[in-house]
């Protein structure tokens, strides 16, 4: 990671903040994107060498402003070697018969934000014939384990990663996806659920996790580091599960 220039979305909390600290500690320079400037500043200040990292507060779903933020990231870092797409989620939309507007909200956050950033960043990677585009998906992309909306958009993201990975491989760009199961991270949905309904978490652990406990975001970091590095060169288009045995399928997308 030494001197890698990395754009991280969803960096103000949860897995994004944990990844930011780990990447900075390994020597990377970061452009941190999320909605709230104060939260981004806290993450930056907790990173090694905070002066090497930019806070770029932006509504990721506002594509005009997102484009400007990507340009700022390029300017601050002097180019982008890696994009780590962490932003996403179910937005609390668990109704199976979602309205088209709610489905679009989910699709925009979980898929279109990534496609828009990649569209703006990938040409520079093509020029230098190297780059990593890393997408945080979910084990729900291969099994219908979550809500209808969440399963659908994460499956779409998996299809995008696999397809784009094949298309960009000749250009030297490695496109990958990480498929986590449930895990705790600062302020994430599992932390909120544990606080609100611990019995639900306990039942999930008993029924779904063979090792008997929910993981932590820090356990995902070695895989994230690999996918952000040059060592991932043979992983273009790959979707890598890291779910502690939560999923029951033999094959992932």
C-alpha atoms as a PDB file:
ATOM      1  CA  UNK A   1       0.000   0.000   0.000  1.00  0.00           C
ATOM      2  CA  UNK A   2       2.993   2.318   0.293  1.00  0.00           C
ATOM      3  CA  UNK A   3       2.178   5.519  -1.639  1.00  0.00           C
ATOM      4  CA  UNK A   4      -0.946   4.035  -3.236  1.00  0.00           C
ATOM      5  CA  UNK A   5      -3.505   6.746  -4.006  1.00  0.00           C
ATOM      6  CA  UNK A   6      -6.892   5.449  -2.916  1.00  0.00           C
ATOM      7  CA  UNK A   7     -10.419   6.859  -3.090  1.00  0.00           C
ATOM      8  CA  UNK A   8     -12.681   5.402  -0.381  1.00  0.00           C
ATOM      9  CA  UNK A   9     -16.461   5.887  -0.373  1.00  0.00           C
ATOM     10  CA  UNK A  10     -18.557   5.494   2.755  1.00  0.00           C
ATOM     11  CA  UNK A  11     -15.454   6.455   4.716  1.00  0.00           C
ATOM     12  CA  UNK A  12     -17.049   8.304   7.628  1.00  0.00           C
ATOM     13  CA  UNK A  13     -18.087   5.259   9.661  1.00  0.00           C
ATOM     14  CA  UNK A  14     -18.502   1.499   9.639  1.00  0.00           C
ATOM     15  CA  UNK A  15     -16.283  -0.624   7.444  1.00  0.00           C
ATOM     16  CA  UNK A  16     -15.213   2.429   5.443  1.00  0.00           C
ATOM     17  CA  UNK A  17     -13.638   4.102   8.470  1.00  0.00           C
ATOM     18  CA  UNK A  18     -11.897   0.877   9.518  1.00  0.00           C
ATOM     19  CA  UNK A  19     -10.506   0.437   5.998  1.00  0.00           C
ATOM     20  CA  UNK A  20      -9.345   4.050   5.876  1.00  0.00           C
ATOM     21  CA  UNK A  21      -7.287   3.687   9.043  1.00  0.00           C
ATOM     22  CA  UNK A  22      -5.783   0.407   7.899  1.00  0.00           C
ATOM     23  CA  UNK A  23      -4.870   1.692   4.442  1.00  0.00           C
ATOM     24  CA  UNK A  24      -3.373   4.889   5.847  1.00  0.00           C
ATOM     25  CA  UNK A  25      -1.391   2.865   8.357  1.00  0.00           C
ATOM     26  CA  UNK A  26       0.030   0.823   5.494  1.00  0.00           C
ATOM     27  CA  UNK A  27       1.285   3.952   3.731  1.00  0.00           C
ATOM     28  CA  UNK A  28      -1.533   4.898   1.353  1.00  0.00           C
ATOM     29  CA  UNK A  29      -2.776   8.415   0.643  1.00  0.00           C
ATOM     30  CA  UNK A  30      -6.550   8.694   0.753  1.00  0.00           C
ATOM     31  CA  UNK A  31      -9.465  10.693  -0.618  1.00  0.00           C
ATOM     32  CA  UNK A  32     -12.284  10.058   1.848  1.00  0.00           C
ATOM     33  CA  UNK A  33     -15.869  10.446   0.635  1.00  0.00           C
ATOM     34  CA  UNK A  34     -19.112  10.450   2.607  1.00  0.00           C
ATOM     35  CA  UNK A  35     -21.939  12.832   3.319  1.00  0.00           C
ATOM     36  CA  UNK A  36     -20.864  14.437   6.609  1.00  0.00           C
ATOM     37  CA  UNK A  37     -17.721  16.574   6.761  1.00  0.00           C
ATOM     38  CA  UNK A  38     -17.337  16.463  10.547  1.00  0.00           C
ATOM     39  CA  UNK A  39     -17.391  12.661  10.587  1.00  0.00           C
ATOM     40  CA  UNK A  40     -14.907  12.474   7.728  1.00  0.00           C
ATOM     41  CA  UNK A  41     -12.594  14.853   9.560  1.00  0.00           C
ATOM     42  CA  UNK A  42     -12.643  12.609  12.634  1.00  0.00           C
ATOM     43  CA  UNK A  43     -11.672   9.625  10.534  1.00  0.00           C
ATOM     44  CA  UNK A  44      -8.916  11.527   8.747  1.00  0.00           C
ATOM     45  CA  UNK A  45      -7.504  12.824  12.014  1.00  0.00           C
ATOM     46  CA  UNK A  46      -7.424   9.272  13.383  1.00  0.00           C
ATOM     47  CA  UNK A  47      -5.416   8.052  10.386  1.00  0.00           C
ATOM     48  CA  UNK A  48      -1.652   7.913  10.177  1.00  0.00           C
ATOM     49  CA  UNK A  49      -0.252  11.070   8.557  1.00  0.00           C
ATOM     50  CA  UNK A  50      -3.591  12.895   8.314  1.00  0.00           C
ATOM     51  CA  UNK A  51      -2.088  15.630   6.153  1.00  0.00           C
ATOM     52  CA  UNK A  52      -1.858  13.097   3.318  1.00  0.00           C
ATOM     53  CA  UNK A  53      -5.609  12.517   3.243  1.00  0.00           C
ATOM     54  CA  UNK A  54      -8.457  14.630   1.849  1.00  0.00           C
ATOM     55  CA  UNK A  55     -11.988  14.895   3.238  1.00  0.00           C
ATOM     56  CA  UNK A  56     -14.514  15.232   0.418  1.00  0.00           C
ATOM     57  CA  UNK A  57     -18.032  15.596   1.846  1.00  0.00           C
ATOM     58  CA  UNK A  58     -20.596  14.850  -0.854  1.00  0.00           C
ATOM     59  CA  UNK A  59     -23.981  13.294  -1.416  1.00  0.00           C
ATOM     60  CA  UNK A  60     -22.776  10.370  -3.511  1.00  0.00           C
ATOM     61  CA  UNK A  61     -26.144  10.072  -5.226  1.00  0.00           C
ATOM     62  CA  UNK A  62     -25.904  13.632  -6.604  1.00  0.00           C
ATOM     63  CA  UNK A  63     -23.858  12.781  -9.664  1.00  0.00           C
ATOM     64  CA  UNK A  64     -22.946  16.346 -10.619  1.00  0.00           C
ATOM     65  CA  UNK A  65     -21.455  16.951  -7.184  1.00  0.00           C
ATOM     66  CA  UNK A  66     -19.969  13.476  -7.150  1.00  0.00           C
ATOM     67  CA  UNK A  67     -18.162  14.220 -10.402  1.00  0.00           C
ATOM     68  CA  UNK A  68     -16.718  17.394  -8.913  1.00  0.00           C
ATOM     69  CA  UNK A  69     -15.600  15.465  -5.824  1.00  0.00           C
ATOM     70  CA  UNK A  70     -13.864  12.843  -7.975  1.00  0.00           C
ATOM     71  CA  UNK A  71     -12.025  15.647  -9.774  1.00  0.00           C
ATOM     72  CA  UNK A  72     -10.971  17.046  -6.383  1.00  0.00           C
ATOM     73  CA  UNK A  73      -9.699  13.622  -5.371  1.00  0.00           C
ATOM     74  CA  UNK A  74      -7.622  13.347  -8.538  1.00  0.00           C
ATOM     75  CA  UNK A  75      -6.188  16.811  -7.994  1.00  0.00           C
ATOM     76  CA  UNK A  76      -5.347  16.267  -4.325  1.00  0.00           C
ATOM     77  CA  UNK A  77      -3.789  12.836  -4.809  1.00  0.00           C
ATOM     78  CA  UNK A  78      -2.232  13.493  -8.209  1.00  0.00           C
ATOM     79  CA  UNK A  79      -4.178  10.582  -9.681  1.00  0.00           C
ATOM     80  CA  UNK A  80      -6.047   7.538  -8.393  1.00  0.00           C
ATOM     81  CA  UNK A  81      -4.597   4.036  -8.235  1.00  0.00           C
ATOM     82  CA  UNK A  82      -7.407   2.318  -6.340  1.00  0.00           C
ATOM     83  CA  UNK A  83     -11.100   2.903  -5.686  1.00  0.00           C
ATOM     84  CA  UNK A  84     -12.600   1.135  -2.683  1.00  0.00           C
ATOM     85  CA  UNK A  85     -16.386   1.280  -2.930  1.00  0.00           C
ATOM     86  CA  UNK A  86     -17.728   0.771   0.598  1.00  0.00           C
ATOM     87  CA  UNK A  87     -20.859   2.954   0.475  1.00  0.00           C
ATOM     88  CA  UNK A  88     -24.094   0.986   0.272  1.00  0.00           C
ATOM     89  CA  UNK A  89     -26.805  -0.575   2.367  1.00  0.00           C
ATOM     90  CA  UNK A  90     -30.449  -1.504   2.564  1.00  0.00           C
ATOM     91  CA  UNK A  91     -31.714   1.909   3.722  1.00  0.00           C
ATOM     92  CA  UNK A  92     -34.149   0.142   6.045  1.00  0.00           C
ATOM     93  CA  UNK A  93     -36.345  -0.786   3.072  1.00  0.00           C
ATOM     94  CA  UNK A  94     -37.545  -4.287   3.969  1.00  0.00           C
ATOM     95  CA  UNK A  95     -40.995  -4.203   2.344  1.00  0.00           C
ATOM     96  CA  UNK A  96     -40.981  -6.934  -0.356  1.00  0.00           C
ATOM     97  CA  UNK A  97     -43.200  -4.976  -2.747  1.00  0.00           C
ATOM     98  CA  UNK A  98     -41.069  -1.863  -2.990  1.00  0.00           C
ATOM     99  CA  UNK A  99     -42.132   1.159  -4.985  1.00  0.00           C
ATOM    100  CA  UNK A 100     -40.105   1.971  -8.063  1.00  0.00           C
ATOM    101  CA  UNK A 101     -38.763   5.084  -6.339  1.00  0.00           C
ATOM    102  CA  UNK A 102     -37.499   3.073  -3.358  1.00  0.00           C
ATOM    103  CA  UNK A 103     -35.952   0.471  -5.636  1.00  0.00           C
ATOM    104  CA  UNK A 104     -34.220   3.271  -7.512  1.00  0.00           C
ATOM    105  CA  UNK A 105     -32.829   4.683  -4.255  1.00  0.00           C
ATOM    106  CA  UNK A 106     -31.338   1.294  -3.416  1.00  0.00           C
ATOM    107  CA  UNK A 107     -29.991   0.762  -6.918  1.00  0.00           C
ATOM    108  CA  UNK A 108     -28.482   4.231  -7.063  1.00  0.00           C
ATOM    109  CA  UNK A 109     -26.620   3.904  -3.760  1.00  0.00           C
ATOM    110  CA  UNK A 110     -25.469   0.317  -4.210  1.00  0.00           C
ATOM    111  CA  UNK A 111     -24.737   0.185  -7.938  1.00  0.00           C
ATOM    112  CA  UNK A 112     -24.918   3.486  -9.807  1.00  0.00           C
ATOM    113  CA  UNK A 113     -22.599   5.373  -7.446  1.00  0.00           C
ATOM    114  CA  UNK A 114     -19.908   2.800  -8.198  1.00  0.00           C
ATOM    115  CA  UNK A 115     -20.550   2.844 -11.938  1.00  0.00           C
ATOM    116  CA  UNK A 116     -20.365   6.644 -12.025  1.00  0.00           C
ATOM    117  CA  UNK A 117     -17.101   6.821 -10.092  1.00  0.00           C
ATOM    118  CA  UNK A 118     -15.566   4.039 -12.172  1.00  0.00           C
ATOM    119  CA  UNK A 119     -16.596   5.801 -15.372  1.00  0.00           C
ATOM    120  CA  UNK A 120     -14.700   8.879 -14.243  1.00  0.00           C
ATOM    121  CA  UNK A 121     -11.641   7.124 -12.820  1.00  0.00           C
ATOM    122  CA  UNK A 122     -11.028   4.147 -15.118  1.00  0.00           C
ATOM    123  CA  UNK A 123      -9.792   6.132 -18.164  1.00  0.00           C
ATOM    124  CA  UNK A 124      -6.784   7.325 -16.154  1.00  0.00           C
ATOM    125  CA  UNK A 125      -6.097   3.753 -15.109  1.00  0.00           C
ATOM    126  CA  UNK A 126      -6.314   2.609 -18.720  1.00  0.00           C
ATOM    127  CA  UNK A 127      -3.668   5.178 -19.660  1.00  0.00           C
ATOM    128  CA  UNK A 128      -1.187   3.794 -17.132  1.00  0.00           C
ATOM    129  CA  UNK A 129      -2.374   0.191 -17.651  1.00  0.00           C
ATOM    130  CA  UNK A 130      -2.949  -0.462 -13.965  1.00  0.00           C
ATOM    131  CA  UNK A 131      -5.523   0.118 -11.252  1.00  0.00           C
ATOM    132  CA  UNK A 132      -7.833  -1.626  -8.820  1.00  0.00           C
ATOM    133  CA  UNK A 133     -11.589  -1.135  -8.524  1.00  0.00           C
ATOM    134  CA  UNK A 134     -12.793  -2.886  -5.365  1.00  0.00           C
ATOM    135  CA  UNK A 135     -16.494  -3.195  -4.529  1.00  0.00           C
ATOM    136  CA  UNK A 136     -17.977  -4.202  -1.181  1.00  0.00           C
ATOM    137  CA  UNK A 137     -21.017  -6.328  -1.947  1.00  0.00           C
ATOM    138  CA  UNK A 138     -22.679  -8.962   0.206  1.00  0.00           C
ATOM    139  CA  UNK A 139     -23.117 -12.698   0.534  1.00  0.00           C
ATOM    140  CA  UNK A 140     -26.757 -11.802  -0.211  1.00  0.00           C
ATOM    141  CA  UNK A 141     -25.743 -11.522  -3.865  1.00  0.00           C
ATOM    142  CA  UNK A 142     -25.552 -15.310  -4.081  1.00  0.00           C
ATOM    143  CA  UNK A 143     -28.338 -16.328  -1.681  1.00  0.00           C
ATOM    144  CA  UNK A 144     -31.721 -14.759  -0.943  1.00  0.00           C
ATOM    145  CA  UNK A 145     -30.882 -14.160   2.708  1.00  0.00           C
ATOM    146  CA  UNK A 146     -31.850 -10.511   3.150  1.00  0.00           C
ATOM    147  CA  UNK A 147     -34.664  -8.235   1.958  1.00  0.00           C
ATOM    148  CA  UNK A 148     -35.939  -8.365  -1.621  1.00  0.00           C
ATOM    149  CA  UNK A 149     -34.487  -4.969  -2.437  1.00  0.00           C
ATOM    150  CA  UNK A 150     -31.098  -5.616  -0.871  1.00  0.00           C
ATOM    151  CA  UNK A 151     -30.737  -9.061  -2.450  1.00  0.00           C
ATOM    152  CA  UNK A 152     -31.627  -7.622  -5.838  1.00  0.00           C
ATOM    153  CA  UNK A 153     -29.230  -4.679  -5.875  1.00  0.00           C
ATOM    154  CA  UNK A 154     -26.319  -6.651  -4.428  1.00  0.00           C
ATOM    155  CA  UNK A 155     -26.876  -9.310  -7.093  1.00  0.00           C
ATOM    156  CA  UNK A 156     -26.794  -6.565  -9.706  1.00  0.00           C
ATOM    157  CA  UNK A 157     -23.526  -5.272  -8.261  1.00  0.00           C
ATOM    158  CA  UNK A 158     -22.031  -8.769  -8.453  1.00  0.00           C
ATOM    159  CA  UNK A 159     -23.035  -9.057 -12.113  1.00  0.00           C
ATOM    160  CA  UNK A 160     -21.495  -5.652 -12.803  1.00  0.00           C
ATOM    161  CA  UNK A 161     -18.201  -6.580 -11.121  1.00  0.00           C
ATOM    162  CA  UNK A 162     -17.906  -9.874 -12.987  1.00  0.00           C
ATOM    163  CA  UNK A 163     -18.785  -8.284 -16.326  1.00  0.00           C
ATOM    164  CA  UNK A 164     -16.635  -5.165 -15.936  1.00  0.00           C
ATOM    165  CA  UNK A 165     -13.732  -7.249 -14.697  1.00  0.00           C
ATOM    166  CA  UNK A 166     -13.714  -9.209 -17.940  1.00  0.00           C
ATOM    167  CA  UNK A 167     -14.015  -6.090 -20.081  1.00  0.00           C
ATOM    168  CA  UNK A 168     -11.228  -4.127 -18.374  1.00  0.00           C
ATOM    169  CA  UNK A 169      -8.771  -6.979 -17.843  1.00  0.00           C
ATOM    170  CA  UNK A 170      -6.917  -6.291 -21.128  1.00  0.00           C
ATOM    171  CA  UNK A 171      -6.300  -2.741 -19.874  1.00  0.00           C
ATOM    172  CA  UNK A 172      -4.522  -3.917 -16.732  1.00  0.00           C
ATOM    173  CA  UNK A 173      -7.366  -2.883 -14.414  1.00  0.00           C
ATOM    174  CA  UNK A 174      -8.360  -5.410 -11.755  1.00  0.00           C
ATOM    175  CA  UNK A 175     -12.054  -5.224 -10.860  1.00  0.00           C
ATOM    176  CA  UNK A 176     -13.098  -7.243  -7.815  1.00  0.00           C
ATOM    177  CA  UNK A 177     -15.837  -7.650  -5.243  1.00  0.00           C
ATOM    178  CA  UNK A 178     -15.802  -8.675  -1.606  1.00  0.00           C
ATOM    179  CA  UNK A 179     -18.876 -10.506  -0.314  1.00  0.00           C
ATOM    180  CA  UNK A 180     -19.076 -10.178   3.469  1.00  0.00           C
ATOM    181  CA  UNK A 181     -21.552 -11.851   5.742  1.00  0.00           C
ATOM    182  CA  UNK A 182     -22.697 -10.127   8.896  1.00  0.00           C
ATOM    183  CA  UNK A 183     -20.094  -8.263  10.944  1.00  0.00           C
ATOM    184  CA  UNK A 184     -19.809  -5.515  13.523  1.00  0.00           C
ATOM    185  CA  UNK A 185     -18.335  -2.146  12.555  1.00  0.00           C
ATOM    186  CA  UNK A 186     -18.648   1.288  14.180  1.00  0.00           C
ATOM    187  CA  UNK A 187     -22.199   2.513  13.600  1.00  0.00           C
ATOM    188  CA  UNK A 188     -23.170  -0.189  11.112  1.00  0.00           C
ATOM    189  CA  UNK A 189     -26.525  -1.948  10.882  1.00  0.00           C
ATOM    190  CA  UNK A 190     -25.410  -4.898  13.013  1.00  0.00           C
ATOM    191  CA  UNK A 191     -24.257  -2.593  15.798  1.00  0.00           C
ATOM    192  CA  UNK A 192     -27.610  -0.810  15.691  1.00  0.00           C
ATOM    193  CA  UNK A 193     -29.514  -4.098  15.683  1.00  0.00           C
ATOM    194  CA  UNK A 194     -27.465  -5.408  18.616  1.00  0.00           C
ATOM    195  CA  UNK A 195     -28.408  -2.308  20.596  1.00  0.00           C
ATOM    196  CA  UNK A 196     -32.078  -2.396  19.624  1.00  0.00           C
ATOM    197  CA  UNK A 197     -32.863  -6.125  19.429  1.00  0.00           C
ATOM    198  CA  UNK A 198     -30.023  -8.272  20.800  1.00  0.00           C
ATOM    199  CA  UNK A 199     -32.241 -11.347  20.740  1.00  0.00           C
ATOM    200  CA  UNK A 200     -32.484 -11.076  16.947  1.00  0.00           C
ATOM    201  CA  UNK A 201     -28.701 -11.032  16.646  1.00  0.00           C
ATOM    202  CA  UNK A 202     -28.389 -13.980  19.032  1.00  0.00           C
ATOM    203  CA  UNK A 203     -30.864 -16.005  16.976  1.00  0.00           C
ATOM    204  CA  UNK A 204     -29.042 -15.161  13.749  1.00  0.00           C
ATOM    205  CA  UNK A 205     -25.709 -16.228  15.220  1.00  0.00           C
ATOM    206  CA  UNK A 206     -27.146 -19.500  16.532  1.00  0.00           C
ATOM    207  CA  UNK A 207     -28.819 -20.360  13.222  1.00  0.00           C
ATOM    208  CA  UNK A 208     -26.312 -19.085  10.655  1.00  0.00           C
ATOM    209  CA  UNK A 209     -22.773 -18.833  12.045  1.00  0.00           C
ATOM    210  CA  UNK A 210     -20.934 -22.100  12.727  1.00  0.00           C
ATOM    211  CA  UNK A 211     -18.249 -20.478  14.864  1.00  0.00           C
ATOM    212  CA  UNK A 212     -20.873 -19.032  17.172  1.00  0.00           C
ATOM    213  CA  UNK A 213     -20.214 -15.309  17.038  1.00  0.00           C
ATOM    214  CA  UNK A 214     -20.441 -12.343  14.683  1.00  0.00           C
ATOM    215  CA  UNK A 215     -17.215 -11.087  13.164  1.00  0.00           C
ATOM    216  CA  UNK A 216     -15.654  -7.639  13.306  1.00  0.00           C
ATOM    217  CA  UNK A 217     -14.756  -5.304  10.459  1.00  0.00           C
ATOM    218  CA  UNK A 218     -11.078  -5.700  11.275  1.00  0.00           C
ATOM    219  CA  UNK A 219     -11.285  -9.332  10.151  1.00  0.00           C
ATOM    220  CA  UNK A 220     -12.091  -8.165   6.614  1.00  0.00           C
ATOM    221  CA  UNK A 221      -9.011  -5.965   6.364  1.00  0.00           C
ATOM    222  CA  UNK A 222      -6.505  -8.586   5.098  1.00  0.00           C
ATOM    223  CA  UNK A 223      -8.795  -9.362   2.151  1.00  0.00           C
ATOM    224  CA  UNK A 224      -9.415  -5.681   1.449  1.00  0.00           C
ATOM    225  CA  UNK A 225      -5.655  -5.069   1.485  1.00  0.00           C
ATOM    226  CA  UNK A 226      -5.095  -7.913  -0.967  1.00  0.00           C
ATOM    227  CA  UNK A 227      -7.716  -6.671  -3.410  1.00  0.00           C
ATOM    228  CA  UNK A 228      -6.316  -3.129  -3.268  1.00  0.00           C
ATOM    229  CA  UNK A 229      -2.795  -4.344  -4.014  1.00  0.00           C
ATOM    230  CA  UNK A 230      -0.805  -5.456  -7.039  1.00  0.00           C
ATOM    231  CA  UNK A 231      -0.975  -9.000  -5.632  1.00  0.00           C
ATOM    232  CA  UNK A 232      -4.604  -9.190  -6.831  1.00  0.00           C
ATOM    233  CA  UNK A 233      -3.453  -9.292 -10.457  1.00  0.00           C
ATOM    234  CA  UNK A 234      -5.101 -12.672 -11.176  1.00  0.00           C
ATOM    235  CA  UNK A 235      -8.385 -11.775  -9.475  1.00  0.00           C
ATOM    236  CA  UNK A 236     -10.022  -9.635 -12.145  1.00  0.00           C
ATOM    237  CA  UNK A 237     -13.781 -10.169 -12.090  1.00  0.00           C
ATOM    238  CA  UNK A 238     -13.599 -12.281  -8.932  1.00  0.00           C
ATOM    239  CA  UNK A 239     -16.176 -12.040  -6.143  1.00  0.00           C
ATOM    240  CA  UNK A 240     -14.687 -13.255  -2.890  1.00  0.00           C
ATOM    241  CA  UNK A 241     -16.909 -14.375   0.002  1.00  0.00           C
ATOM    242  CA  UNK A 242     -15.794 -13.703   3.568  1.00  0.00           C
ATOM    243  CA  UNK A 243     -18.745 -14.767   5.687  1.00  0.00           C
ATOM    244  CA  UNK A 244     -17.521 -17.196   8.390  1.00  0.00           C
ATOM    245  CA  UNK A 245     -19.649 -19.927   6.829  1.00  0.00           C
ATOM    246  CA  UNK A 246     -22.881 -17.906   6.895  1.00  0.00           C
ATOM    247  CA  UNK A 247     -23.696 -18.806   3.305  1.00  0.00           C
ATOM    248  CA  UNK A 248     -24.577 -22.382   2.423  1.00  0.00           C
ATOM    249  CA  UNK A 249     -23.901 -22.364  -1.304  1.00  0.00           C
ATOM    250  CA  UNK A 250     -20.931 -24.133  -2.892  1.00  0.00           C
ATOM    251  CA  UNK A 251     -20.397 -21.569  -5.624  1.00  0.00           C
ATOM    252  CA  UNK A 252     -20.528 -17.774  -5.545  1.00  0.00           C
ATOM    253  CA  UNK A 253     -21.284 -15.623  -8.603  1.00  0.00           C
END
